[in-house]
């Protein structure tokens, strides 16, 4: 994955964290989801279009959690 822009990661992180906590997840899960959302977002061309869907987020995490 290549970083295309330096902005948008903070909003994505906060969104992933808050979404997780509001839906009954733990802080650890929230930080994981927020971090993954931020990584996905900075790889896109713009902030809004690069925000991941729930499916994209979970696929991203699953493909990078092999053997952990």
PDB file of N, CA and C in Angstrom:
ATOM      1  N   UNK A   1       0.851  -1.171   0.000  1.00  0.00           N
ATOM      2  CA  UNK A   1       0.000   0.000   0.000  1.00  0.00           C
ATOM      3  C   UNK A   1       0.895   1.231   0.000  1.00  0.00           C
ATOM      4  N   UNK A   2       0.546   2.174  -0.830  1.00  0.00           N
ATOM      5  CA  UNK A   2       1.326   3.398  -0.958  1.00  0.00           C
ATOM      6  C   UNK A   2       0.548   4.589  -0.410  1.00  0.00           C
ATOM      7  N   UNK A   3       1.250   5.466   0.299  1.00  0.00           N
ATOM      8  CA  UNK A   3       0.619   6.675   0.831  1.00  0.00           C
ATOM      9  C   UNK A   3       0.555   7.707  -0.279  1.00  0.00           C
ATOM     10  N   UNK A   4      -0.638   8.222  -0.549  1.00  0.00           N
ATOM     11  CA  UNK A   4      -0.832   9.208  -1.610  1.00  0.00           C
ATOM     12  C   UNK A   4      -1.019  10.624  -1.095  1.00  0.00           C
ATOM     13  N   UNK A   5      -1.353  10.762   0.178  1.00  0.00           N
ATOM     14  CA  UNK A   5      -1.590  12.092   0.734  1.00  0.00           C
ATOM     15  C   UNK A   5      -1.367  12.034   2.246  1.00  0.00           C
ATOM     16  N   UNK A   6      -0.973  13.126   2.857  1.00  0.00           N
ATOM     17  CA  UNK A   6      -0.694  13.133   4.291  1.00  0.00           C
ATOM     18  C   UNK A   6      -1.886  13.514   5.166  1.00  0.00           C
ATOM     19  N   UNK A   7      -3.044  13.747   4.575  1.00  0.00           N
ATOM     20  CA  UNK A   7      -4.185  14.215   5.363  1.00  0.00           C
ATOM     21  C   UNK A   7      -5.323  13.194   5.309  1.00  0.00           C
ATOM     22  N   UNK A   8      -6.199  13.273   6.300  1.00  0.00           N
ATOM     23  CA  UNK A   8      -7.354  12.380   6.358  1.00  0.00           C
ATOM     24  C   UNK A   8      -7.218  11.261   7.371  1.00  0.00           C
ATOM     25  N   UNK A   9      -6.001  10.992   7.797  1.00  0.00           N
ATOM     26  CA  UNK A   9      -5.807   9.866   8.711  1.00  0.00           C
ATOM     27  C   UNK A   9      -6.420  10.121  10.085  1.00  0.00           C
ATOM     28  N   UNK A  10      -6.369  11.328  10.568  1.00  0.00           N
ATOM     29  CA  UNK A  10      -6.928  11.634  11.890  1.00  0.00           C
ATOM     30  C   UNK A  10      -8.435  11.448  11.939  1.00  0.00           C
ATOM     31  N   UNK A  11      -9.107  11.942  10.920  1.00  0.00           N
ATOM     32  CA  UNK A  11     -10.564  11.774  10.849  1.00  0.00           C
ATOM     33  C   UNK A  11     -10.930  10.300  10.725  1.00  0.00           C
ATOM     34  N   UNK A  12     -10.186   9.569   9.906  1.00  0.00           N
ATOM     35  CA  UNK A  12     -10.457   8.145   9.726  1.00  0.00           C
ATOM     36  C   UNK A  12     -10.215   7.380  11.016  1.00  0.00           C
ATOM     37  N   UNK A  13      -9.118   7.705  11.702  1.00  0.00           N
ATOM     38  CA  UNK A  13      -8.826   7.036  12.964  1.00  0.00           C
ATOM     39  C   UNK A  13      -9.948   7.284  13.970  1.00  0.00           C
ATOM     40  N   UNK A  14     -10.328   8.543  14.122  1.00  0.00           N
ATOM     41  CA  UNK A  14     -11.389   8.889  15.078  1.00  0.00           C
ATOM     42  C   UNK A  14     -12.696   8.195  14.718  1.00  0.00           C
ATOM     43  N   UNK A  15     -13.018   8.169  13.437  1.00  0.00           N
ATOM     44  CA  UNK A  15     -14.240   7.506  13.007  1.00  0.00           C
ATOM     45  C   UNK A  15     -14.242   6.029  13.335  1.00  0.00           C
ATOM     46  N   UNK A  16     -13.136   5.349  13.062  1.00  0.00           N
ATOM     47  CA  UNK A  16     -13.032   3.924  13.360  1.00  0.00           C
ATOM     48  C   UNK A  16     -13.095   3.637  14.848  1.00  0.00           C
ATOM     49  N   UNK A  17     -12.424   4.466  15.636  1.00  0.00           N
ATOM     50  CA  UNK A  17     -12.423   4.300  17.087  1.00  0.00           C
ATOM     51  C   UNK A  17     -13.819   4.519  17.663  1.00  0.00           C
ATOM     52  N   UNK A  18     -14.429   5.629  17.318  1.00  0.00           N
ATOM     53  CA  UNK A  18     -15.750   5.965  17.866  1.00  0.00           C
ATOM     54  C   UNK A  18     -16.801   4.965  17.409  1.00  0.00           C
ATOM     55  N   UNK A  19     -16.773   4.593  16.138  1.00  0.00           N
ATOM     56  CA  UNK A  19     -17.742   3.612  15.627  1.00  0.00           C
ATOM     57  C   UNK A  19     -17.658   2.312  16.421  1.00  0.00           C
ATOM     58  N   UNK A  20     -16.436   1.870  16.694  1.00  0.00           N
ATOM     59  CA  UNK A  20     -16.238   0.626  17.446  1.00  0.00           C
ATOM     60  C   UNK A  20     -16.783   0.746  18.859  1.00  0.00           C
ATOM     61  N   UNK A  21     -16.456   1.825  19.539  1.00  0.00           N
ATOM     62  CA  UNK A  21     -16.897   2.000  20.927  1.00  0.00           C
ATOM     63  C   UNK A  21     -18.411   2.142  21.019  1.00  0.00           C
ATOM     64  N   UNK A  22     -19.010   2.885  20.101  1.00  0.00           N
ATOM     65  CA  UNK A  22     -20.465   3.070  20.103  1.00  0.00           C
ATOM     66  C   UNK A  22     -21.186   1.735  19.878  1.00  0.00           C
ATOM     67  N   UNK A  23     -20.552   0.853  19.123  1.00  0.00           N
ATOM     68  CA  UNK A  23     -21.155  -0.432  18.822  1.00  0.00           C
ATOM     69  C   UNK A  23     -20.730  -1.533  19.789  1.00  0.00           C
ATOM     70  N   UNK A  24     -20.217  -1.152  20.963  1.00  0.00           N
ATOM     71  CA  UNK A  24     -19.924  -2.107  22.024  1.00  0.00           C
ATOM     72  C   UNK A  24     -18.561  -2.752  21.973  1.00  0.00           C
ATOM     73  N   UNK A  25     -17.678  -2.273  21.106  1.00  0.00           N
ATOM     74  CA  UNK A  25     -16.332  -2.827  21.028  1.00  0.00           C
ATOM     75  C   UNK A  25     -15.449  -2.317  22.152  1.00  0.00           C
ATOM     76  N   UNK A  26     -14.311  -2.946  22.297  1.00  0.00           N
ATOM     77  CA  UNK A  26     -13.341  -2.551  23.321  1.00  0.00           C
ATOM     78  C   UNK A  26     -12.446  -1.433  22.795  1.00  0.00           C
ATOM     79  N   UNK A  27     -11.727  -0.807  23.699  1.00  0.00           N
ATOM     80  CA  UNK A  27     -10.782   0.236  23.308  1.00  0.00           C
ATOM     81  C   UNK A  27      -9.707  -0.352  22.389  1.00  0.00           C
ATOM     82  N   UNK A  28      -9.232  -1.542  22.696  1.00  0.00           N
ATOM     83  CA  UNK A  28      -8.217  -2.192  21.863  1.00  0.00           C
ATOM     84  C   UNK A  28      -8.740  -2.425  20.444  1.00  0.00           C
ATOM     85  N   UNK A  29      -9.964  -2.893  20.323  1.00  0.00           N
ATOM     86  CA  UNK A  29     -10.573  -3.080  19.003  1.00  0.00           C
ATOM     87  C   UNK A  29     -10.738  -1.743  18.283  1.00  0.00           C
ATOM     88  N   UNK A  30     -11.103  -0.715  19.048  1.00  0.00           N
ATOM     89  CA  UNK A  30     -11.279   0.605  18.469  1.00  0.00           C
ATOM     90  C   UNK A  30      -9.991   1.182  17.914  1.00  0.00           C
ATOM     91  N   UNK A  31      -8.908   1.004  18.653  1.00  0.00           N
ATOM     92  CA  UNK A  31      -7.609   1.494  18.189  1.00  0.00           C
ATOM     93  C   UNK A  31      -7.184   0.711  16.949  1.00  0.00           C
ATOM     94  N   UNK A  32      -7.408  -0.598  16.945  1.00  0.00           N
ATOM     95  CA  UNK A  32      -7.085  -1.414  15.766  1.00  0.00           C
ATOM     96  C   UNK A  32      -7.890  -0.944  14.554  1.00  0.00           C
ATOM     97  N   UNK A  33      -9.201  -0.780  14.728  1.00  0.00           N
ATOM     98  CA  UNK A  33     -10.056  -0.357  13.621  1.00  0.00           C
ATOM     99  C   UNK A  33      -9.718   1.048  13.152  1.00  0.00           C
ATOM    100  N   UNK A  34      -9.466   1.946  14.092  1.00  0.00           N
ATOM    101  CA  UNK A  34      -9.100   3.309  13.727  1.00  0.00           C
ATOM    102  C   UNK A  34      -7.780   3.372  12.979  1.00  0.00           C
ATOM    103  N   UNK A  35      -6.816   2.599  13.419  1.00  0.00           N
ATOM    104  CA  UNK A  35      -5.509   2.577  12.752  1.00  0.00           C
ATOM    105  C   UNK A  35      -5.624   2.026  11.340  1.00  0.00           C
ATOM    106  N   UNK A  36      -6.400   0.971  11.189  1.00  0.00           N
ATOM    107  CA  UNK A  36      -6.602   0.394   9.858  1.00  0.00           C
ATOM    108  C   UNK A  36      -7.334   1.385   8.952  1.00  0.00           C
ATOM    109  N   UNK A  37      -8.350   2.050   9.472  1.00  0.00           N
ATOM    110  CA  UNK A  37      -9.091   3.036   8.679  1.00  0.00           C
ATOM    111  C   UNK A  37      -8.171   4.174   8.237  1.00  0.00           C
ATOM    112  N   UNK A  38      -7.279   4.599   9.111  1.00  0.00           N
ATOM    113  CA  UNK A  38      -6.332   5.667   8.769  1.00  0.00           C
ATOM    114  C   UNK A  38      -5.381   5.214   7.671  1.00  0.00           C
ATOM    115  N   UNK A  39      -4.889   3.991   7.766  1.00  0.00           N
ATOM    116  CA  UNK A  39      -3.974   3.469   6.746  1.00  0.00           C
ATOM    117  C   UNK A  39      -4.663   3.377   5.395  1.00  0.00           C
ATOM    118  N   UNK A  40      -5.902   2.928   5.390  1.00  0.00           N
ATOM    119  CA  UNK A  40      -6.655   2.841   4.139  1.00  0.00           C
ATOM    120  C   UNK A  40      -6.875   4.243   3.569  1.00  0.00           C
ATOM    121  N   UNK A  41      -7.230   5.177   4.416  1.00  0.00           N
ATOM    122  CA  UNK A  41      -7.569   6.527   3.956  1.00  0.00           C
ATOM    123  C   UNK A  41      -6.398   7.231   3.285  1.00  0.00           C
ATOM    124  N   UNK A  42      -5.214   7.149   3.854  1.00  0.00           N
ATOM    125  CA  UNK A  42      -4.075   7.871   3.267  1.00  0.00           C
ATOM    126  C   UNK A  42      -3.610   7.255   1.956  1.00  0.00           C
ATOM    127  N   UNK A  43      -4.096   6.054   1.645  1.00  0.00           N
ATOM    128  CA  UNK A  43      -3.727   5.439   0.366  1.00  0.00           C
ATOM    129  C   UNK A  43      -4.627   5.903  -0.774  1.00  0.00           C
ATOM    130  N   UNK A  44      -5.718   6.607  -0.444  1.00  0.00           N
ATOM    131  CA  UNK A  44      -6.637   7.099  -1.468  1.00  0.00           C
ATOM    132  C   UNK A  44      -6.255   8.482  -1.961  1.00  0.00           C
ATOM    133  N   UNK A  45      -7.002   8.949  -2.951  1.00  0.00           N
ATOM    134  CA  UNK A  45      -6.707  10.255  -3.544  1.00  0.00           C
ATOM    135  C   UNK A  45      -7.358  11.420  -2.813  1.00  0.00           C
ATOM    136  N   UNK A  46      -8.485  11.170  -2.139  1.00  0.00           N
ATOM    137  CA  UNK A  46      -9.138  12.231  -1.378  1.00  0.00           C
ATOM    138  C   UNK A  46      -9.701  11.631  -0.101  1.00  0.00           C
ATOM    139  N   UNK A  47      -9.971  12.467   0.862  1.00  0.00           N
ATOM    140  CA  UNK A  47     -10.424  11.964   2.164  1.00  0.00           C
ATOM    141  C   UNK A  47     -11.770  11.262   2.100  1.00  0.00           C
ATOM    142  N   UNK A  48     -12.747  11.920   1.515  1.00  0.00           N
ATOM    143  CA  UNK A  48     -14.104  11.389   1.534  1.00  0.00           C
ATOM    144  C   UNK A  48     -14.217  10.082   0.768  1.00  0.00           C
ATOM    145  N   UNK A  49     -13.691  10.040  -0.441  1.00  0.00           N
ATOM    146  CA  UNK A  49     -13.794   8.821  -1.240  1.00  0.00           C
ATOM    147  C   UNK A  49     -12.938   7.690  -0.684  1.00  0.00           C
ATOM    148  N   UNK A  50     -11.918   8.028   0.095  1.00  0.00           N
ATOM    149  CA  UNK A  50     -11.008   7.007   0.613  1.00  0.00           C
ATOM    150  C   UNK A  50     -11.458   6.425   1.951  1.00  0.00           C
ATOM    151  N   UNK A  51     -12.510   6.967   2.559  1.00  0.00           N
ATOM    152  CA  UNK A  51     -13.010   6.388   3.805  1.00  0.00           C
ATOM    153  C   UNK A  51     -13.475   4.965   3.531  1.00  0.00           C
ATOM    154  N   UNK A  52     -12.976   3.996   4.317  1.00  0.00           N
ATOM    155  CA  UNK A  52     -13.332   2.607   4.027  1.00  0.00           C
ATOM    156  C   UNK A  52     -14.745   2.249   4.492  1.00  0.00           C
ATOM    157  N   UNK A  53     -15.342   1.304   3.775  1.00  0.00           N
ATOM    158  CA  UNK A  53     -16.593   0.717   4.244  1.00  0.00           C
ATOM    159  C   UNK A  53     -16.252  -0.279   5.344  1.00  0.00           C
ATOM    160  N   UNK A  54     -17.251  -0.733   6.043  1.00  0.00           N
ATOM    161  CA  UNK A  54     -17.033  -1.735   7.091  1.00  0.00           C
ATOM    162  C   UNK A  54     -16.386  -2.986   6.492  1.00  0.00           C
ATOM    163  N   UNK A  55     -16.847  -3.411   5.338  1.00  0.00           N
ATOM    164  CA  UNK A  55     -16.299  -4.598   4.686  1.00  0.00           C
ATOM    165  C   UNK A  55     -14.841  -4.393   4.290  1.00  0.00           C
ATOM    166  N   UNK A  56     -14.513  -3.232   3.733  1.00  0.00           N
ATOM    167  CA  UNK A  56     -13.121  -2.940   3.370  1.00  0.00           C
ATOM    168  C   UNK A  56     -12.226  -2.922   4.593  1.00  0.00           C
ATOM    169  N   UNK A  57     -12.731  -2.350   5.676  1.00  0.00           N
ATOM    170  CA  UNK A  57     -11.958  -2.276   6.910  1.00  0.00           C
ATOM    171  C   UNK A  57     -11.642  -3.665   7.438  1.00  0.00           C
ATOM    172  N   UNK A  58     -12.655  -4.514   7.544  1.00  0.00           N
ATOM    173  CA  UNK A  58     -12.439  -5.847   8.089  1.00  0.00           C
ATOM    174  C   UNK A  58     -11.589  -6.713   7.160  1.00  0.00           C
ATOM    175  N   UNK A  59     -11.730  -6.546   5.846  1.00  0.00           N
ATOM    176  CA  UNK A  59     -10.878  -7.277   4.898  1.00  0.00           C
ATOM    177  C   UNK A  59      -9.420  -6.852   5.056  1.00  0.00           C
ATOM    178  N   UNK A  60      -9.203  -5.551   5.192  1.00  0.00           N
ATOM    179  CA  UNK A  60      -7.852  -5.014   5.369  1.00  0.00           C
ATOM    180  C   UNK A  60      -7.210  -5.607   6.619  1.00  0.00           C
ATOM    181  N   UNK A  61      -7.932  -5.610   7.725  1.00  0.00           N
ATOM    182  CA  UNK A  61      -7.406  -6.145   8.984  1.00  0.00           C
ATOM    183  C   UNK A  61      -7.136  -7.640   8.860  1.00  0.00           C
ATOM    184  N   UNK A  62      -8.070  -8.367   8.273  1.00  0.00           N
ATOM    185  CA  UNK A  62      -7.927  -9.821   8.157  1.00  0.00           C
ATOM    186  C   UNK A  62      -6.712 -10.212   7.323  1.00  0.00           C
ATOM    187  N   UNK A  63      -6.476  -9.510   6.230  1.00  0.00           N
ATOM    188  CA  UNK A  63      -5.348  -9.860   5.362  1.00  0.00           C
ATOM    189  C   UNK A  63      -4.010  -9.507   5.980  1.00  0.00           C
ATOM    190  N   UNK A  64      -3.995  -8.671   6.991  1.00  0.00           N
ATOM    191  CA  UNK A  64      -2.742  -8.278   7.640  1.00  0.00           C
ATOM    192  C   UNK A  64      -2.543  -8.926   9.008  1.00  0.00           C
ATOM    193  N   UNK A  65      -3.495  -9.726   9.451  1.00  0.00           N
ATOM    194  CA  UNK A  65      -3.428 -10.368  10.755  1.00  0.00           C
ATOM    195  C   UNK A  65      -3.029 -11.842  10.662  1.00  0.00           C
ATOM    196  N   UNK A  66      -2.506 -12.252   9.538  1.00  0.00           N
ATOM    197  CA  UNK A  66      -2.133 -13.648   9.351  1.00  0.00           C
ATOM    198  C   UNK A  66      -0.999 -14.027  10.303  1.00  0.00           C
ATOM    199  N   UNK A  67      -1.219 -15.083  11.071  1.00  0.00           N
ATOM    200  CA  UNK A  67      -0.197 -15.578  11.970  1.00  0.00           C
ATOM    201  C   UNK A  67      -0.030 -14.796  13.251  1.00  0.00           C
ATOM    202  N   UNK A  68      -0.940 -13.890  13.539  1.00  0.00           N
ATOM    203  CA  UNK A  68      -0.835 -13.095  14.768  1.00  0.00           C
ATOM    204  C   UNK A  68      -1.688 -13.702  15.844  1.00  0.00           C
TER     205      UNK A  68
END
